[in-house]
Every structure is written in structure tokens, then in C-alpha cells.
Amino acid sequence: MNQLNIFAIRAILGAAFAVLLSRFFYPQANIVYVIALGIFLVGMAYVMEYFRSKKSS
């Protein structure tokens, strides 16, 4: 899989989990906070991938 496909999958899953988590824990949350949570989740996926690849090298 190329990098664009991986990003698309992470972005879709990040958005889905952001909506799910925010509606479950904070039903009154503003859409801006949901978007920020989605960006945070995708960013953390890349950070974890960086540390995992750094550790195995």
C-alpha cells in the first residue's frame, strides 16, 4: 500500500473514532472539538508508527 492509501484509511478511522468517542463521552461537544480530536488521533497514529519503526531499526 502506498502512503496515500494509508493516510486515507487513518483519516477515515480517525474521523469515525473521533465522532464515536466525542458523542459517547461529550454529547454536547462542538464540531470543532470533534475535528481536533480526529486530527489528534491521526497524528498519534503517525507518532506511534515513528517510534515503532525507530525501535525495530
C-alpha atoms as a PDB file:
ATOM      1  CA  MET A   1       0.000   0.000   0.000  1.00  0.00           C
ATOM      2  CA  ASN A   2       1.272   3.440  -0.782  1.00  0.00           C
ATOM      3  CA  GLN A   3       1.370   6.321   1.684  1.00  0.00           C
ATOM      4  CA  LEU A   4      -1.779   7.991   0.322  1.00  0.00           C
ATOM      5  CA  ASN A   5      -3.877   4.865   0.925  1.00  0.00           C
ATOM      6  CA  ILE A   6      -2.523   4.528   4.456  1.00  0.00           C
ATOM      7  CA  PHE A   7      -3.295   8.184   5.165  1.00  0.00           C
ATOM      8  CA  ALA A   8      -6.830   7.813   3.784  1.00  0.00           C
ATOM      9  CA  ILE A   9      -7.513   4.770   5.957  1.00  0.00           C
ATOM     10  CA  ARG A  10      -6.118   6.505   9.049  1.00  0.00           C
ATOM     11  CA  ALA A  11      -8.085   9.682   8.325  1.00  0.00           C
ATOM     12  CA  ILE A  12     -11.368   7.790   7.883  1.00  0.00           C
ATOM     13  CA  LEU A  13     -10.826   5.705  11.001  1.00  0.00           C
ATOM     14  CA  GLY A  14      -9.654   8.758  12.951  1.00  0.00           C
ATOM     15  CA  ALA A  15     -12.789  10.672  11.975  1.00  0.00           C
ATOM     16  CA  ALA A  16     -15.047   7.741  12.820  1.00  0.00           C
ATOM     17  CA  PHE A  17     -13.474   7.155  16.223  1.00  0.00           C
ATOM     18  CA  ALA A  18     -13.439  10.887  16.972  1.00  0.00           C
ATOM     19  CA  VAL A  19     -17.178  11.101  16.359  1.00  0.00           C
ATOM     20  CA  LEU A  20     -17.831   7.925  18.314  1.00  0.00           C
ATOM     21  CA  LEU A  21     -15.719   8.941  21.318  1.00  0.00           C
ATOM     22  CA  SER A  22     -16.944  12.502  21.435  1.00  0.00           C
ATOM     23  CA  ARG A  23     -20.612  11.522  21.188  1.00  0.00           C
ATOM     24  CA  PHE A  24     -20.175   8.832  23.817  1.00  0.00           C
ATOM     25  CA  PHE A  25     -18.289  10.924  26.400  1.00  0.00           C
ATOM     26  CA  TYR A  26     -19.289  14.511  25.466  1.00  0.00           C
ATOM     27  CA  PRO A  27     -22.604  14.539  23.570  1.00  0.00           C
ATOM     28  CA  GLN A  28     -22.791  18.358  23.608  1.00  0.00           C
ATOM     29  CA  ALA A  29     -19.299  18.839  22.116  1.00  0.00           C
ATOM     30  CA  ASN A  30     -18.831  21.376  19.365  1.00  0.00           C
ATOM     31  CA  ILE A  31     -17.881  20.084  15.894  1.00  0.00           C
ATOM     32  CA  VAL A  32     -14.553  21.934  16.113  1.00  0.00           C
ATOM     33  CA  TYR A  33     -13.542  19.772  19.081  1.00  0.00           C
ATOM     34  CA  VAL A  34     -14.529  16.614  17.214  1.00  0.00           C
ATOM     35  CA  ILE A  35     -12.375  17.652  14.251  1.00  0.00           C
ATOM     36  CA  ALA A  36      -9.481  18.458  16.596  1.00  0.00           C
ATOM     37  CA  LEU A  37      -9.835  15.045  18.229  1.00  0.00           C
ATOM     38  CA  GLY A  38      -9.751  13.374  14.807  1.00  0.00           C
ATOM     39  CA  ILE A  39      -6.588  15.262  13.859  1.00  0.00           C
ATOM     40  CA  PHE A  40      -5.046  14.299  17.193  1.00  0.00           C
ATOM     41  CA  LEU A  41      -5.873  10.615  16.671  1.00  0.00           C
ATOM     42  CA  VAL A  42      -4.376  10.551  13.176  1.00  0.00           C
ATOM     43  CA  GLY A  43      -1.310  12.400  14.410  1.00  0.00           C
ATOM     44  CA  MET A  44      -0.832   9.940  17.247  1.00  0.00           C
ATOM     45  CA  ALA A  45      -1.022   7.063  14.754  1.00  0.00           C
ATOM     46  CA  TYR A  46       1.916   8.581  12.884  1.00  0.00           C
ATOM     47  CA  VAL A  47       3.840   9.214  16.103  1.00  0.00           C
ATOM     48  CA  MET A  48       3.362   5.603  17.183  1.00  0.00           C
ATOM     49  CA  GLU A  49       4.473   4.376  13.760  1.00  0.00           C
ATOM     50  CA  TYR A  50       7.608   6.522  14.030  1.00  0.00           C
ATOM     51  CA  PHE A  51       8.538   5.114  17.438  1.00  0.00           C
ATOM     52  CA  ARG A  52       7.770   1.560  16.347  1.00  0.00           C
ATOM     53  CA  SER A  53       9.938   1.837  13.221  1.00  0.00           C
ATOM     54  CA  LYS A  54      12.724   3.570  15.174  1.00  0.00           C
ATOM     55  CA  LYS A  55      12.718   0.791  17.773  1.00  0.00           C
ATOM     56  CA  SER A  56      12.975  -2.024  15.213  1.00  0.00           C
ATOM     57  CA  SER A  57      15.861  -0.406  13.273  1.00  0.00           C
END
